[in-house]
């Protein structure tokens, strides 16, 4: 069974920075996509950023130029560097891992980490 363990959330002032980390453990197909989603109160969960094991990137327009996703394939770990944070970035951030084994699609979620941007 795959487990995703997130860390790095917290309270930060507007304009500040945070770095989220997510480590995946278990039996993981080497060709996969890892990413971050977020869900604010009363809103749907949305993609923040994702990165394939080959290095292909995808960002939400709202975070481009402020957030950077990276990963260490050897450690099955994905990071999200968040700069110039705004109050509207406040949400629970979820790590995601998905892949296709050739037979089945797999989709895993972390437990979520709270990010609060407030003065």
N, C-alpha and C. Protein backbone atom coordinates (compact mmCIF):
# COMPACT_ATOMS: atom_id res chain seq x y z
N UNK A 1 0.84 -1.18 0.00
CA UNK A 1 0.00 0.00 0.00
C UNK A 1 0.88 1.24 0.00
N UNK A 2 0.49 2.22 -0.79
CA UNK A 2 1.25 3.45 -0.90
C UNK A 2 0.80 4.44 0.18
N UNK A 3 1.74 5.09 0.81
CA UNK A 3 1.43 6.14 1.78
C UNK A 3 2.14 7.42 1.38
N UNK A 4 1.45 8.54 1.56
CA UNK A 4 2.01 9.85 1.29
C UNK A 4 2.01 10.63 2.60
N UNK A 5 3.17 11.13 2.99
CA UNK A 5 3.30 11.88 4.23
C UNK A 5 3.77 13.28 3.91
N UNK A 6 2.93 14.25 4.26
CA UNK A 6 3.22 15.66 3.96
C UNK A 6 3.77 16.37 5.19
N UNK A 7 4.50 17.43 4.94
CA UNK A 7 5.00 18.27 6.01
C UNK A 7 5.27 19.67 5.45
N UNK A 8 5.36 20.64 6.37
CA UNK A 8 5.78 21.98 5.96
C UNK A 8 4.71 23.05 5.98
N UNK A 9 3.49 22.71 6.27
CA UNK A 9 2.45 23.73 6.33
C UNK A 9 2.60 24.60 7.56
N UNK A 10 1.75 25.62 7.65
CA UNK A 10 1.78 26.49 8.80
C UNK A 10 1.18 27.85 8.53
N UNK A 11 1.44 28.77 9.44
CA UNK A 11 0.94 30.14 9.35
C UNK A 11 2.07 31.05 8.87
N UNK A 12 1.77 31.86 7.88
CA UNK A 12 2.78 32.78 7.34
C UNK A 12 2.10 34.09 6.98
N UNK A 13 2.85 35.17 7.05
CA UNK A 13 2.31 36.48 6.70
C UNK A 13 2.27 36.65 5.18
N UNK A 14 1.40 37.50 4.70
CA UNK A 14 1.38 37.79 3.26
C UNK A 14 2.76 38.23 2.78
N UNK A 15 3.14 37.69 1.62
CA UNK A 15 4.47 37.96 1.08
C UNK A 15 5.53 36.99 1.53
N UNK A 16 5.19 36.14 2.49
CA UNK A 16 6.14 35.18 3.01
C UNK A 16 6.25 33.93 2.15
N UNK A 17 7.04 32.98 2.64
CA UNK A 17 7.31 31.74 1.91
C UNK A 17 7.12 30.53 2.81
N UNK A 18 6.78 29.44 2.18
CA UNK A 18 6.71 28.14 2.84
C UNK A 18 7.17 27.09 1.84
N UNK A 19 7.67 25.97 2.38
CA UNK A 19 8.04 24.85 1.53
C UNK A 19 7.34 23.61 2.06
N UNK A 20 6.57 22.98 1.17
CA UNK A 20 5.89 21.74 1.50
C UNK A 20 6.70 20.56 0.96
N UNK A 21 6.65 19.46 1.71
CA UNK A 21 7.30 18.24 1.27
C UNK A 21 6.32 17.09 1.36
N UNK A 22 6.47 16.12 0.49
CA UNK A 22 5.62 14.94 0.51
C UNK A 22 6.47 13.74 0.12
N UNK A 23 6.56 12.79 1.04
CA UNK A 23 7.33 11.57 0.79
C UNK A 23 6.37 10.41 0.57
N UNK A 24 6.59 9.70 -0.51
CA UNK A 24 5.78 8.53 -0.83
C UNK A 24 6.54 7.26 -0.47
N UNK A 25 5.83 6.31 0.09
CA UNK A 25 6.44 5.02 0.43
C UNK A 25 5.53 3.90 -0.03
N UNK A 26 6.12 2.73 -0.21
CA UNK A 26 5.35 1.59 -0.67
C UNK A 26 5.76 1.20 -2.08
N UNK A 27 4.93 0.41 -2.71
CA UNK A 27 5.22 -0.07 -4.05
C UNK A 27 4.71 0.96 -5.06
N UNK A 28 5.64 1.67 -5.69
CA UNK A 28 5.29 2.77 -6.57
C UNK A 28 5.84 2.52 -7.96
N UNK A 29 4.98 2.63 -8.95
CA UNK A 29 5.42 2.49 -10.33
C UNK A 29 6.33 3.66 -10.67
N UNK A 30 7.43 3.37 -11.33
CA UNK A 30 8.45 4.39 -11.55
C UNK A 30 7.98 5.53 -12.46
N UNK A 31 7.06 5.24 -13.36
CA UNK A 31 6.53 6.29 -14.24
C UNK A 31 5.24 6.81 -13.60
N UNK A 32 5.31 8.02 -13.08
CA UNK A 32 4.16 8.52 -12.33
C UNK A 32 4.12 10.05 -12.36
N UNK A 33 3.07 10.57 -11.82
CA UNK A 33 2.92 12.01 -11.65
C UNK A 33 2.68 12.29 -10.18
N UNK A 34 3.44 13.23 -9.64
CA UNK A 34 3.23 13.68 -8.27
C UNK A 34 2.87 15.16 -8.31
N UNK A 35 2.02 15.55 -7.39
CA UNK A 35 1.61 16.95 -7.43
C UNK A 35 0.94 17.40 -6.16
N UNK A 36 0.50 18.64 -6.20
CA UNK A 36 -0.16 19.27 -5.07
C UNK A 36 -1.50 19.84 -5.50
N UNK A 37 -2.49 19.59 -4.69
CA UNK A 37 -3.82 20.18 -4.85
C UNK A 37 -4.12 20.96 -3.58
N UNK A 38 -5.11 21.82 -3.66
CA UNK A 38 -5.53 22.54 -2.46
C UNK A 38 -7.04 22.70 -2.44
N UNK A 39 -7.53 22.83 -1.23
CA UNK A 39 -8.97 23.02 -1.06
C UNK A 39 -9.21 24.05 0.03
N UNK A 40 -9.80 25.16 -0.36
CA UNK A 40 -10.17 26.20 0.58
C UNK A 40 -11.59 25.95 1.07
N UNK A 41 -11.95 26.49 2.23
CA UNK A 41 -13.30 26.28 2.76
C UNK A 41 -14.38 26.69 1.76
N UNK A 42 -15.32 25.82 1.53
CA UNK A 42 -16.42 26.12 0.63
C UNK A 42 -16.09 26.04 -0.85
N UNK A 43 -14.87 25.60 -1.16
CA UNK A 43 -14.46 25.51 -2.57
C UNK A 43 -14.08 24.09 -2.93
N UNK A 44 -14.03 23.83 -4.21
CA UNK A 44 -13.62 22.52 -4.69
C UNK A 44 -12.10 22.38 -4.63
N UNK A 45 -11.67 21.16 -4.54
CA UNK A 45 -10.23 20.89 -4.59
C UNK A 45 -9.73 21.24 -5.99
N UNK A 46 -8.58 21.91 -6.04
CA UNK A 46 -8.04 22.33 -7.32
C UNK A 46 -6.56 21.98 -7.43
N UNK A 47 -6.13 21.77 -8.66
CA UNK A 47 -4.71 21.51 -8.90
C UNK A 47 -3.90 22.77 -8.66
N UNK A 48 -2.78 22.61 -7.94
CA UNK A 48 -1.83 23.70 -7.76
C UNK A 48 -0.66 23.51 -8.74
N UNK A 49 -0.05 22.35 -8.67
CA UNK A 49 1.08 22.06 -9.55
C UNK A 49 1.32 20.56 -9.58
N UNK A 50 1.84 20.08 -10.69
CA UNK A 50 2.17 18.67 -10.81
C UNK A 50 3.43 18.51 -11.65
N UNK A 51 4.06 17.36 -11.46
CA UNK A 51 5.30 17.09 -12.18
C UNK A 51 5.39 15.59 -12.43
N UNK A 52 5.62 15.22 -13.68
CA UNK A 52 5.78 13.81 -14.00
C UNK A 52 7.20 13.35 -13.66
N UNK A 53 7.37 12.04 -13.62
CA UNK A 53 8.70 11.49 -13.35
C UNK A 53 9.68 11.85 -14.47
N UNK A 54 9.16 12.22 -15.62
CA UNK A 54 10.01 12.64 -16.74
C UNK A 54 10.34 14.12 -16.69
N UNK A 55 9.71 14.84 -15.75
CA UNK A 55 10.01 16.26 -15.59
C UNK A 55 9.03 17.23 -16.21
N UNK A 56 7.93 16.75 -16.74
CA UNK A 56 6.92 17.64 -17.31
C UNK A 56 6.15 18.33 -16.21
N UNK A 57 5.95 19.65 -16.38
CA UNK A 57 5.35 20.48 -15.34
C UNK A 57 3.98 20.99 -15.74
N UNK A 58 3.16 21.23 -14.71
CA UNK A 58 1.85 21.83 -14.92
C UNK A 58 1.55 22.68 -13.69
N UNK A 59 1.20 23.96 -13.91
CA UNK A 59 0.88 24.88 -12.82
C UNK A 59 -0.50 25.50 -13.04
N UNK A 60 -1.18 25.77 -11.94
CA UNK A 60 -2.37 26.60 -12.01
C UNK A 60 -1.93 28.03 -12.34
N UNK A 61 -2.73 28.73 -13.12
CA UNK A 61 -2.38 30.09 -13.51
C UNK A 61 -2.17 30.99 -12.28
N UNK A 62 -2.93 30.73 -11.23
CA UNK A 62 -2.89 31.60 -10.06
C UNK A 62 -1.58 31.52 -9.28
N UNK A 63 -0.78 30.47 -9.54
CA UNK A 63 0.46 30.31 -8.77
C UNK A 63 1.71 30.41 -9.64
N UNK A 64 1.52 30.49 -10.95
CA UNK A 64 2.69 30.61 -11.83
C UNK A 64 3.54 31.80 -11.42
N UNK A 65 4.83 31.63 -11.45
CA UNK A 65 5.86 32.61 -11.11
C UNK A 65 6.02 32.79 -9.60
N UNK A 66 5.11 32.19 -8.80
CA UNK A 66 5.25 32.29 -7.34
C UNK A 66 5.61 30.94 -6.71
N UNK A 67 5.05 29.86 -7.25
CA UNK A 67 5.27 28.53 -6.69
C UNK A 67 6.17 27.72 -7.64
N UNK A 68 6.98 26.86 -7.04
CA UNK A 68 7.84 25.98 -7.83
C UNK A 68 7.73 24.56 -7.28
N UNK A 69 7.41 23.63 -8.18
CA UNK A 69 7.35 22.23 -7.81
C UNK A 69 8.65 21.55 -8.25
N UNK A 70 9.11 20.63 -7.42
CA UNK A 70 10.29 19.86 -7.76
C UNK A 70 10.15 18.48 -7.14
N UNK A 71 10.98 17.55 -7.55
CA UNK A 71 10.89 16.21 -7.01
C UNK A 71 12.24 15.52 -7.04
N UNK A 72 12.37 14.56 -6.14
CA UNK A 72 13.54 13.70 -6.07
C UNK A 72 13.04 12.29 -6.33
N UNK A 73 13.24 11.81 -7.55
CA UNK A 73 12.70 10.51 -7.92
C UNK A 73 13.30 9.38 -7.09
N UNK A 74 14.56 9.51 -6.73
CA UNK A 74 15.22 8.47 -5.95
C UNK A 74 14.59 8.32 -4.57
N UNK A 75 14.04 9.43 -4.06
CA UNK A 75 13.42 9.42 -2.73
C UNK A 75 11.90 9.40 -2.80
N UNK A 76 11.36 9.38 -4.02
CA UNK A 76 9.89 9.45 -4.19
C UNK A 76 9.30 10.60 -3.38
N UNK A 77 9.93 11.74 -3.48
CA UNK A 77 9.53 12.91 -2.72
C UNK A 77 9.28 14.07 -3.66
N UNK A 78 8.21 14.82 -3.37
CA UNK A 78 7.88 16.00 -4.15
C UNK A 78 7.84 17.20 -3.21
N UNK A 79 8.25 18.34 -3.73
CA UNK A 79 8.32 19.56 -2.95
C UNK A 79 7.51 20.66 -3.63
N UNK A 80 7.04 21.60 -2.82
CA UNK A 80 6.38 22.77 -3.36
C UNK A 80 6.93 23.99 -2.63
N UNK A 81 7.72 24.77 -3.34
CA UNK A 81 8.23 26.02 -2.78
C UNK A 81 7.22 27.12 -3.10
N UNK A 82 6.70 27.74 -2.08
CA UNK A 82 5.67 28.75 -2.25
C UNK A 82 6.22 30.11 -1.79
N UNK A 83 6.33 31.03 -2.71
CA UNK A 83 6.83 32.38 -2.43
C UNK A 83 5.73 33.41 -2.67
N UNK A 84 5.93 34.59 -2.14
CA UNK A 84 4.98 35.69 -2.33
C UNK A 84 3.56 35.24 -2.02
N UNK A 85 3.40 34.59 -0.90
CA UNK A 85 2.10 34.03 -0.55
C UNK A 85 1.07 35.13 -0.31
N UNK A 86 -0.16 34.80 -0.70
CA UNK A 86 -1.29 35.72 -0.58
C UNK A 86 -2.37 35.10 0.31
N UNK A 87 -3.21 35.91 0.90
CA UNK A 87 -4.29 35.34 1.72
C UNK A 87 -5.15 34.33 0.96
N UNK A 88 -5.31 34.54 -0.34
CA UNK A 88 -6.13 33.61 -1.12
C UNK A 88 -5.44 32.27 -1.36
N UNK A 89 -4.18 32.13 -0.94
CA UNK A 89 -3.51 30.83 -1.00
C UNK A 89 -3.86 29.97 0.21
N UNK A 90 -4.56 30.54 1.17
CA UNK A 90 -4.96 29.79 2.36
C UNK A 90 -5.85 28.62 1.98
N UNK A 91 -5.44 27.43 2.40
CA UNK A 91 -6.17 26.21 2.05
C UNK A 91 -5.49 25.02 2.73
N UNK A 92 -6.14 23.88 2.65
CA UNK A 92 -5.49 22.62 2.97
C UNK A 92 -4.84 22.12 1.68
N UNK A 93 -3.58 21.83 1.76
CA UNK A 93 -2.82 21.37 0.61
C UNK A 93 -2.64 19.85 0.69
N UNK A 94 -2.97 19.18 -0.41
CA UNK A 94 -2.91 17.73 -0.46
C UNK A 94 -1.89 17.28 -1.49
N UNK A 95 -1.08 16.33 -1.09
CA UNK A 95 -0.15 15.69 -2.01
C UNK A 95 -0.89 14.60 -2.78
N UNK A 96 -0.52 14.43 -4.04
CA UNK A 96 -1.16 13.43 -4.89
C UNK A 96 -0.12 12.65 -5.67
N UNK A 97 -0.34 11.37 -5.78
CA UNK A 97 0.49 10.50 -6.61
C UNK A 97 -0.44 9.67 -7.49
N UNK A 98 -0.19 9.66 -8.77
CA UNK A 98 -1.01 8.83 -9.64
C UNK A 98 -0.14 8.20 -10.73
N UNK A 99 -0.57 7.02 -11.16
CA UNK A 99 0.15 6.35 -12.24
C UNK A 99 -0.71 5.27 -12.85
N UNK A 100 -0.28 4.85 -14.02
CA UNK A 100 -0.94 3.77 -14.74
C UNK A 100 0.05 2.64 -14.83
N UNK A 101 -0.35 1.46 -14.32
CA UNK A 101 0.59 0.34 -14.26
C UNK A 101 0.65 -0.44 -15.55
N UNK A 102 -0.24 -0.09 -16.48
CA UNK A 102 -0.38 -0.85 -17.70
C UNK A 102 -1.65 -1.68 -17.67
N UNK A 103 -2.18 -1.82 -16.46
CA UNK A 103 -3.43 -2.55 -16.27
C UNK A 103 -4.46 -1.70 -15.53
N UNK A 104 -4.00 -1.06 -14.46
CA UNK A 104 -4.90 -0.27 -13.62
C UNK A 104 -4.36 1.14 -13.44
N UNK A 105 -5.30 2.06 -13.18
CA UNK A 105 -4.95 3.41 -12.77
C UNK A 105 -4.94 3.44 -11.25
N UNK A 106 -3.93 4.12 -10.70
CA UNK A 106 -3.81 4.27 -9.26
C UNK A 106 -3.77 5.76 -8.92
N UNK A 107 -4.42 6.12 -7.85
CA UNK A 107 -4.51 7.52 -7.44
C UNK A 107 -4.48 7.58 -5.91
N UNK A 108 -3.46 8.23 -5.35
CA UNK A 108 -3.29 8.28 -3.90
C UNK A 108 -3.23 9.73 -3.41
N UNK A 109 -3.72 9.91 -2.17
CA UNK A 109 -3.73 11.24 -1.55
C UNK A 109 -3.06 11.22 -0.19
N UNK A 110 -2.42 12.31 0.14
CA UNK A 110 -1.92 12.52 1.49
C UNK A 110 -3.05 12.99 2.39
N UNK A 111 -2.70 13.18 3.65
CA UNK A 111 -3.72 13.55 4.65
C UNK A 111 -4.03 15.04 4.63
N UNK A 112 -3.18 15.81 3.97
CA UNK A 112 -3.40 17.26 3.89
C UNK A 112 -2.62 18.02 4.94
N UNK A 113 -2.17 19.20 4.56
CA UNK A 113 -1.48 20.07 5.49
C UNK A 113 -2.02 21.49 5.34
N UNK A 114 -2.30 22.13 6.44
CA UNK A 114 -2.94 23.46 6.42
C UNK A 114 -1.90 24.53 6.13
N UNK A 115 -2.23 25.39 5.19
CA UNK A 115 -1.44 26.59 4.92
C UNK A 115 -2.35 27.79 5.15
N UNK A 116 -1.95 28.67 6.05
CA UNK A 116 -2.72 29.86 6.36
C UNK A 116 -1.86 31.09 6.13
N UNK A 117 -2.35 31.98 5.29
CA UNK A 117 -1.63 33.21 4.98
C UNK A 117 -2.44 34.36 5.57
N UNK A 118 -1.90 34.97 6.61
CA UNK A 118 -2.64 36.00 7.32
C UNK A 118 -1.68 36.88 8.11
N UNK A 119 -2.06 38.14 8.23
CA UNK A 119 -1.26 39.06 9.04
C UNK A 119 -1.79 39.11 10.47
